[in-house]
Amino acid sequence: MTAELTGTEKDTSVADAFYAGAMDRIARFMVVLAVGFSFAAWLHYGWRVALGFVCGSALAYLNFHWLKRVIEALADRMSEPDKPKSSKGVVARFLLRYLLMAVAAYGIFTVSRSGLFGLFAGLFLPVAGIACEAVYEIYGALARGL
């Protein structure tokens, strides 16, 4: 026998599936925005700022990806407390993110100060990706009734 889902259970499962894809959509928004803004920065400010923006965007994307993995690892630890796991890798990735950003900022700063502004702008790419996701979720809630 199969259990039939009621109308509200179907709506809940559709909404859960929609919201479960948020992290993947944010990553895709970040890639699209990085390409678009890099091109716009190159046209408007020149290649140094655009190169800094590309570096900042790459660091932001990598940072976003690593942060997602750290959160998943911590969630796994909390859901399975019986298994002893080493936390050295989690801590190392957490600290490596900031070390990478500092090295990139120093490297770009020594070459070009205008590139540093592009780097800092690129580091805000996750904020733009999350804003796009928020608009998309509002659209989904209003258009689909989620």
N, C-alpha and C. Protein backbone atom coordinates (compact mmCIF):
# COMPACT_ATOMS: atom_id res chain seq x y z
N MET A 1 0.84 -1.18 0.00
CA MET A 1 0.00 0.00 0.00
C MET A 1 0.88 1.24 0.00
N THR A 2 0.50 2.19 -0.78
CA THR A 2 1.21 3.45 -0.80
C THR A 2 0.36 4.51 -0.13
N ALA A 3 1.03 5.32 0.62
CA ALA A 3 0.32 6.39 1.32
C ALA A 3 0.15 7.57 0.37
N GLU A 4 -1.04 8.07 0.28
CA GLU A 4 -1.35 9.22 -0.56
C GLU A 4 -1.03 10.49 0.20
N LEU A 5 -0.35 11.42 -0.47
CA LEU A 5 -0.02 12.69 0.17
C LEU A 5 -1.19 13.65 0.07
N THR A 6 -1.44 14.36 1.13
CA THR A 6 -2.49 15.37 1.09
C THR A 6 -1.97 16.61 0.39
N GLY A 7 -2.83 17.56 0.13
CA GLY A 7 -2.45 18.79 -0.58
C GLY A 7 -1.37 19.57 0.13
N THR A 8 -1.47 19.71 1.45
CA THR A 8 -0.45 20.46 2.18
C THR A 8 0.86 19.72 2.24
N GLU A 9 0.84 18.38 2.31
CA GLU A 9 2.08 17.62 2.32
C GLU A 9 2.79 17.73 0.97
N LYS A 10 2.02 17.74 -0.12
CA LYS A 10 2.60 17.91 -1.46
C LYS A 10 3.24 19.30 -1.57
N ASP A 11 2.52 20.32 -1.10
CA ASP A 11 3.05 21.68 -1.13
C ASP A 11 4.33 21.79 -0.32
N THR A 12 4.34 21.14 0.84
CA THR A 12 5.53 21.18 1.70
C THR A 12 6.70 20.49 1.03
N SER A 13 6.47 19.36 0.38
CA SER A 13 7.58 18.65 -0.26
C SER A 13 8.10 19.43 -1.47
N VAL A 14 7.22 20.09 -2.20
CA VAL A 14 7.65 20.92 -3.33
C VAL A 14 8.46 22.11 -2.82
N ALA A 15 8.00 22.73 -1.76
CA ALA A 15 8.73 23.87 -1.18
C ALA A 15 10.08 23.43 -0.63
N ASP A 16 10.12 22.27 0.02
CA ASP A 16 11.39 21.77 0.54
C ASP A 16 12.39 21.52 -0.59
N ALA A 17 11.91 20.93 -1.68
CA ALA A 17 12.78 20.67 -2.83
C ALA A 17 13.27 21.98 -3.43
N PHE A 18 12.41 22.98 -3.49
CA PHE A 18 12.78 24.28 -4.05
C PHE A 18 13.86 24.94 -3.19
N TYR A 19 13.66 24.96 -1.89
CA TYR A 19 14.61 25.63 -1.01
C TYR A 19 15.89 24.83 -0.80
N ALA A 20 15.84 23.51 -1.01
CA ALA A 20 17.04 22.68 -0.87
C ALA A 20 18.08 22.99 -1.94
N GLY A 21 17.64 23.54 -3.06
CA GLY A 21 18.57 23.87 -4.14
C GLY A 21 19.19 25.25 -4.02
N ALA A 22 18.99 25.92 -2.91
CA ALA A 22 19.47 27.30 -2.76
C ALA A 22 20.98 27.42 -2.86
N MET A 23 21.73 26.53 -2.24
CA MET A 23 23.19 26.64 -2.27
C MET A 23 23.74 26.49 -3.68
N ASP A 24 23.17 25.55 -4.44
CA ASP A 24 23.62 25.38 -5.83
C ASP A 24 23.26 26.59 -6.68
N ARG A 25 22.07 27.15 -6.46
CA ARG A 25 21.69 28.34 -7.22
C ARG A 25 22.57 29.53 -6.87
N ILE A 26 22.92 29.69 -5.60
CA ILE A 26 23.80 30.79 -5.20
C ILE A 26 25.14 30.65 -5.90
N ALA A 27 25.68 29.44 -5.95
CA ALA A 27 26.97 29.21 -6.63
C ALA A 27 26.86 29.57 -8.12
N ARG A 28 25.76 29.19 -8.76
CA ARG A 28 25.58 29.54 -10.18
C ARG A 28 25.42 31.05 -10.36
N PHE A 29 24.66 31.69 -9.48
CA PHE A 29 24.53 33.15 -9.54
C PHE A 29 25.90 33.81 -9.41
N MET A 30 26.73 33.29 -8.51
CA MET A 30 28.06 33.87 -8.31
C MET A 30 28.90 33.77 -9.58
N VAL A 31 28.84 32.65 -10.27
CA VAL A 31 29.62 32.48 -11.50
C VAL A 31 29.14 33.45 -12.58
N VAL A 32 27.84 33.54 -12.75
CA VAL A 32 27.29 34.44 -13.77
C VAL A 32 27.62 35.90 -13.45
N LEU A 33 27.46 36.28 -12.19
CA LEU A 33 27.78 37.65 -11.79
C LEU A 33 29.27 37.95 -11.93
N ALA A 34 30.11 36.98 -11.61
CA ALA A 34 31.56 37.19 -11.74
C ALA A 34 31.95 37.46 -13.18
N VAL A 35 31.40 36.69 -14.10
CA VAL A 35 31.71 36.89 -15.52
C VAL A 35 31.20 38.26 -15.98
N GLY A 36 29.97 38.57 -15.65
CA GLY A 36 29.39 39.85 -16.07
C GLY A 36 30.10 41.05 -15.48
N PHE A 37 30.34 41.02 -14.19
CA PHE A 37 31.00 42.15 -13.54
C PHE A 37 32.47 42.27 -13.93
N SER A 38 33.13 41.15 -14.22
CA SER A 38 34.52 41.21 -14.68
C SER A 38 34.60 41.92 -16.02
N PHE A 39 33.70 41.58 -16.90
CA PHE A 39 33.67 42.24 -18.21
C PHE A 39 33.35 43.72 -18.06
N ALA A 40 32.38 44.05 -17.20
CA ALA A 40 32.03 45.45 -16.98
C ALA A 40 33.18 46.22 -16.34
N ALA A 41 33.88 45.60 -15.41
CA ALA A 41 35.03 46.27 -14.77
C ALA A 41 36.14 46.50 -15.78
N TRP A 42 36.36 45.54 -16.67
CA TRP A 42 37.39 45.70 -17.70
C TRP A 42 37.04 46.85 -18.63
N LEU A 43 35.78 46.95 -19.04
CA LEU A 43 35.37 48.03 -19.94
C LEU A 43 35.41 49.39 -19.26
N HIS A 44 35.00 49.45 -18.03
CA HIS A 44 34.85 50.73 -17.35
C HIS A 44 36.11 51.19 -16.63
N TYR A 45 36.84 50.26 -15.98
CA TYR A 45 37.98 50.66 -15.15
C TYR A 45 39.34 50.19 -15.68
N GLY A 46 39.36 49.29 -16.62
CA GLY A 46 40.62 48.81 -17.16
C GLY A 46 40.96 47.41 -16.69
N TRP A 47 42.04 46.88 -17.25
CA TRP A 47 42.37 45.48 -17.01
C TRP A 47 42.87 45.22 -15.60
N ARG A 48 43.50 46.19 -14.95
CA ARG A 48 44.02 45.94 -13.60
C ARG A 48 42.90 45.73 -12.58
N VAL A 49 41.90 46.58 -12.65
CA VAL A 49 40.76 46.42 -11.74
C VAL A 49 40.02 45.14 -12.08
N ALA A 50 39.87 44.85 -13.37
CA ALA A 50 39.18 43.62 -13.78
C ALA A 50 39.93 42.39 -13.31
N LEU A 51 41.26 42.40 -13.42
CA LEU A 51 42.05 41.27 -12.94
C LEU A 51 41.93 41.12 -11.43
N GLY A 52 41.94 42.23 -10.72
CA GLY A 52 41.73 42.17 -9.27
C GLY A 52 40.36 41.62 -8.94
N PHE A 53 39.36 42.03 -9.72
CA PHE A 53 38.00 41.53 -9.49
C PHE A 53 37.92 40.03 -9.75
N VAL A 54 38.58 39.57 -10.81
CA VAL A 54 38.58 38.13 -11.11
C VAL A 54 39.24 37.36 -9.96
N CYS A 55 40.36 37.86 -9.46
CA CYS A 55 41.04 37.21 -8.33
C CYS A 55 40.15 37.21 -7.09
N GLY A 56 39.52 38.34 -6.81
CA GLY A 56 38.62 38.42 -5.66
C GLY A 56 37.42 37.51 -5.81
N SER A 57 36.88 37.42 -7.03
CA SER A 57 35.74 36.54 -7.28
C SER A 57 36.13 35.08 -7.12
N ALA A 58 37.32 34.73 -7.62
CA ALA A 58 37.78 33.35 -7.47
C ALA A 58 37.98 33.00 -5.99
N LEU A 59 38.58 33.91 -5.23
CA LEU A 59 38.75 33.68 -3.80
C LEU A 59 37.41 33.58 -3.09
N ALA A 60 36.47 34.44 -3.47
CA ALA A 60 35.14 34.42 -2.84
C ALA A 60 34.42 33.12 -3.15
N TYR A 61 34.53 32.65 -4.39
CA TYR A 61 33.87 31.39 -4.76
C TYR A 61 34.50 30.23 -4.00
N LEU A 62 35.82 30.21 -3.94
CA LEU A 62 36.53 29.16 -3.22
C LEU A 62 36.18 29.22 -1.73
N ASN A 63 36.14 30.40 -1.18
CA ASN A 63 35.77 30.61 0.21
C ASN A 63 34.35 30.10 0.47
N PHE A 64 33.44 30.41 -0.43
CA PHE A 64 32.05 29.96 -0.31
C PHE A 64 31.98 28.44 -0.33
N HIS A 65 32.70 27.84 -1.26
CA HIS A 65 32.71 26.38 -1.39
C HIS A 65 33.30 25.73 -0.14
N TRP A 66 34.42 26.24 0.35
CA TRP A 66 35.04 25.68 1.55
C TRP A 66 34.16 25.88 2.78
N LEU A 67 33.53 27.02 2.89
CA LEU A 67 32.64 27.27 4.02
C LEU A 67 31.47 26.30 4.01
N LYS A 68 30.95 26.03 2.81
CA LYS A 68 29.86 25.06 2.68
C LYS A 68 30.33 23.68 3.15
N ARG A 69 31.55 23.29 2.77
CA ARG A 69 32.08 21.99 3.19
C ARG A 69 32.31 21.93 4.70
N VAL A 70 32.77 23.04 5.28
CA VAL A 70 32.99 23.07 6.74
C VAL A 70 31.66 22.91 7.47
N ILE A 71 30.64 23.58 6.99
CA ILE A 71 29.32 23.48 7.62
C ILE A 71 28.77 22.06 7.49
N GLU A 72 28.95 21.45 6.31
CA GLU A 72 28.50 20.07 6.14
C GLU A 72 29.26 19.13 7.06
N ALA A 73 30.58 19.34 7.22
CA ALA A 73 31.38 18.49 8.11
C ALA A 73 30.93 18.65 9.56
N LEU A 74 30.66 19.89 9.96
CA LEU A 74 30.19 20.11 11.34
C LEU A 74 28.81 19.50 11.55
N ALA A 75 27.94 19.58 10.55
CA ALA A 75 26.61 18.97 10.66
C ALA A 75 26.73 17.45 10.76
N ASP A 76 27.66 16.86 10.00
CA ASP A 76 27.87 15.42 10.10
C ASP A 76 28.37 15.03 11.48
N ARG A 77 29.25 15.83 12.05
CA ARG A 77 29.76 15.54 13.40
C ARG A 77 28.65 15.60 14.44
N MET A 78 27.77 16.56 14.28
CA MET A 78 26.69 16.72 15.25
C MET A 78 25.66 15.60 15.11
N SER A 79 25.45 15.12 13.88
CA SER A 79 24.46 14.06 13.69
C SER A 79 25.00 12.68 14.04
N GLU A 80 26.33 12.51 14.01
CA GLU A 80 26.94 11.23 14.36
C GLU A 80 28.03 11.46 15.43
N PRO A 81 27.64 11.71 16.67
CA PRO A 81 28.63 12.02 17.71
C PRO A 81 29.45 10.80 18.14
N ASP A 82 29.01 9.60 17.79
CA ASP A 82 29.72 8.39 18.23
C ASP A 82 31.02 8.18 17.48
N LYS A 83 31.11 8.65 16.26
CA LYS A 83 32.30 8.43 15.45
C LYS A 83 33.35 9.49 15.77
N PRO A 84 34.52 9.07 16.19
CA PRO A 84 35.59 10.07 16.43
C PRO A 84 36.18 10.52 15.10
N LYS A 85 36.21 11.82 14.89
CA LYS A 85 36.76 12.38 13.66
C LYS A 85 37.77 13.47 14.02
N SER A 86 38.76 13.58 13.19
CA SER A 86 39.77 14.61 13.40
C SER A 86 39.23 15.96 12.93
N SER A 87 39.48 16.97 13.70
CA SER A 87 39.02 18.30 13.31
C SER A 87 40.14 19.15 12.74
N LYS A 88 41.32 18.54 12.55
CA LYS A 88 42.45 19.29 12.01
C LYS A 88 42.17 19.80 10.61
N GLY A 89 41.56 18.97 9.78
CA GLY A 89 41.26 19.37 8.40
C GLY A 89 40.27 20.52 8.35
N VAL A 90 39.27 20.46 9.20
CA VAL A 90 38.25 21.51 9.22
C VAL A 90 38.88 22.84 9.65
N VAL A 91 39.69 22.79 10.68
CA VAL A 91 40.34 24.01 11.18
C VAL A 91 41.34 24.54 10.16
N ALA A 92 42.08 23.63 9.54
CA ALA A 92 43.08 24.05 8.54
C ALA A 92 42.42 24.74 7.36
N ARG A 93 41.32 24.19 6.86
CA ARG A 93 40.61 24.84 5.74
C ARG A 93 40.04 26.19 6.17
N PHE A 94 39.56 26.26 7.40
CA PHE A 94 39.00 27.51 7.90
C PHE A 94 40.07 28.60 7.93
N LEU A 95 41.24 28.27 8.44
CA LEU A 95 42.32 29.25 8.51
C LEU A 95 42.96 29.52 7.14
N LEU A 96 43.01 28.51 6.30
CA LEU A 96 43.59 28.68 4.97
C LEU A 96 42.82 29.69 4.13
N ARG A 97 41.51 29.76 4.35
CA ARG A 97 40.70 30.74 3.62
C ARG A 97 41.22 32.15 3.85
N TYR A 98 41.47 32.49 5.10
CA TYR A 98 41.91 33.84 5.42
C TYR A 98 43.35 34.09 5.01
N LEU A 99 44.17 33.08 5.10
CA LEU A 99 45.55 33.20 4.65
C LEU A 99 45.60 33.46 3.14
N LEU A 100 44.78 32.73 2.40
CA LEU A 100 44.72 32.93 0.95
C LEU A 100 44.28 34.34 0.59
N MET A 101 43.28 34.85 1.28
CA MET A 101 42.81 36.21 1.01
C MET A 101 43.89 37.24 1.33
N ALA A 102 44.61 37.04 2.43
CA ALA A 102 45.66 37.98 2.81
C ALA A 102 46.80 37.96 1.80
N VAL A 103 47.21 36.78 1.36
CA VAL A 103 48.29 36.66 0.38
C VAL A 103 47.88 37.30 -0.94
N ALA A 104 46.66 37.04 -1.39
CA ALA A 104 46.19 37.63 -2.64
C ALA A 104 46.12 39.15 -2.54
N ALA A 105 45.62 39.66 -1.43
CA ALA A 105 45.54 41.11 -1.25
C ALA A 105 46.93 41.74 -1.23
N TYR A 106 47.86 41.11 -0.55
CA TYR A 106 49.22 41.64 -0.51
C TYR A 106 49.85 41.60 -1.90
N GLY A 107 49.69 40.49 -2.60
CA GLY A 107 50.26 40.37 -3.94
C GLY A 107 49.70 41.40 -4.90
N ILE A 108 48.42 41.60 -4.87
CA ILE A 108 47.81 42.58 -5.77
C ILE A 108 48.16 43.99 -5.33
N PHE A 109 48.24 44.23 -4.04
CA PHE A 109 48.58 45.57 -3.54
C PHE A 109 49.98 45.98 -3.97
N THR A 110 50.92 45.03 -3.97
CA THR A 110 52.29 45.37 -4.37
C THR A 110 52.39 45.63 -5.87
N VAL A 111 51.50 45.06 -6.66
CA VAL A 111 51.53 45.26 -8.11
C VAL A 111 50.72 46.48 -8.51
N SER A 112 49.51 46.58 -8.01
CA SER A 112 48.61 47.64 -8.45
C SER A 112 47.60 47.96 -7.36
N ARG A 113 47.56 49.19 -6.95
CA ARG A 113 46.55 49.58 -5.95
C ARG A 113 45.15 49.55 -6.52
N SER A 114 45.00 49.89 -7.79
CA SER A 114 43.67 49.85 -8.39
C SER A 114 43.16 48.42 -8.47
N GLY A 115 44.06 47.46 -8.66
CA GLY A 115 43.67 46.05 -8.65
C GLY A 115 43.16 45.61 -7.30
N LEU A 116 43.68 46.24 -6.24
CA LEU A 116 43.23 45.90 -4.89
C LEU A 116 41.76 46.26 -4.70
N PHE A 117 41.33 47.37 -5.29
CA PHE A 117 39.91 47.74 -5.21
C PHE A 117 39.04 46.70 -5.91
N GLY A 118 39.52 46.20 -7.04
CA GLY A 118 38.81 45.13 -7.74
C GLY A 118 38.76 43.87 -6.91
N LEU A 119 39.86 43.54 -6.22
CA LEU A 119 39.89 42.36 -5.37
C LEU A 119 38.86 42.48 -4.26
N PHE A 120 38.83 43.63 -3.60
CA PHE A 120 37.86 43.81 -2.52
C PHE A 120 36.43 43.74 -3.05
N ALA A 121 36.18 44.29 -4.23
CA ALA A 121 34.84 44.21 -4.81
C ALA A 121 34.49 42.76 -5.12
N GLY A 122 35.45 42.00 -5.62
CA GLY A 122 35.20 40.59 -5.93
C GLY A 122 34.92 39.76 -4.70
N LEU A 123 35.49 40.12 -3.57
CA LEU A 123 35.25 39.37 -2.34
C LEU A 123 33.81 39.50 -1.86
N PHE A 124 33.09 40.49 -2.36
CA PHE A 124 31.68 40.66 -1.99
C PHE A 124 30.74 39.90 -2.92
N LEU A 125 31.28 39.08 -3.80
CA LEU A 125 30.47 38.31 -4.74
C LEU A 125 29.43 37.42 -4.06
N PRO A 126 29.74 36.74 -2.95
CA PRO A 126 28.70 35.94 -2.30
C PRO A 126 27.50 36.76 -1.84
N VAL A 127 27.74 38.00 -1.45
CA VAL A 127 26.62 38.86 -1.04
C VAL A 127 25.68 39.09 -2.22
N ALA A 128 26.25 39.35 -3.39
CA ALA A 128 25.44 39.55 -4.59
C ALA A 128 24.72 38.26 -4.97
N GLY A 129 25.40 37.13 -4.84
CA GLY A 129 24.76 35.84 -5.14
C GLY A 129 23.61 35.54 -4.21
N ILE A 130 23.78 35.84 -2.93
CA ILE A 130 22.71 35.62 -1.96
C ILE A 130 21.54 36.58 -2.22
N ALA A 131 21.84 37.81 -2.61
CA ALA A 131 20.78 38.77 -2.94
C ALA A 131 19.97 38.27 -4.15
N CYS A 132 20.67 37.74 -5.15
CA CYS A 132 19.96 37.19 -6.31
C CYS A 132 19.09 36.01 -5.91
N GLU A 133 19.59 35.16 -5.03
CA GLU A 133 18.82 34.03 -4.55
C GLU A 133 17.59 34.50 -3.77
N ALA A 134 17.74 35.55 -2.98
CA ALA A 134 16.60 36.08 -2.22
C ALA A 134 15.51 36.58 -3.16
N VAL A 135 15.91 37.29 -4.21
CA VAL A 135 14.94 37.77 -5.19
C VAL A 135 14.27 36.59 -5.88
N TYR A 136 15.05 35.56 -6.23
CA TYR A 136 14.49 34.38 -6.89
C TYR A 136 13.52 33.64 -5.97
N GLU A 137 13.84 33.55 -4.69
CA GLU A 137 12.94 32.89 -3.76
C GLU A 137 11.66 33.69 -3.55
N ILE A 138 11.77 35.00 -3.53
CA ILE A 138 10.56 35.83 -3.43
C ILE A 138 9.68 35.61 -4.66
N TYR A 139 10.33 35.58 -5.83
CA TYR A 139 9.58 35.31 -7.07
C TYR A 139 8.93 33.93 -7.00
N GLY A 140 9.67 32.92 -6.54
CA GLY A 140 9.12 31.59 -6.44
C GLY A 140 7.95 31.52 -5.46
N ALA A 141 8.07 32.24 -4.37
CA ALA A 141 6.99 32.24 -3.37
C ALA A 141 5.74 32.92 -3.91
N LEU A 142 5.91 34.01 -4.64
CA LEU A 142 4.75 34.73 -5.15
C LEU A 142 4.16 34.06 -6.38
N ALA A 143 5.00 33.61 -7.30
CA ALA A 143 4.50 33.04 -8.54
C ALA A 143 3.96 31.63 -8.37
N ARG A 144 4.61 30.84 -7.54
CA ARG A 144 4.23 29.43 -7.37
C ARG A 144 3.46 29.16 -6.10
N GLY A 145 3.37 30.15 -5.27
CA GLY A 145 2.65 29.96 -4.02
C GLY A 145 3.40 29.09 -3.02
N LEU A 146 4.74 29.16 -3.06
CA LEU A 146 5.53 28.37 -2.13
C LEU A 146 5.64 29.12 -0.83
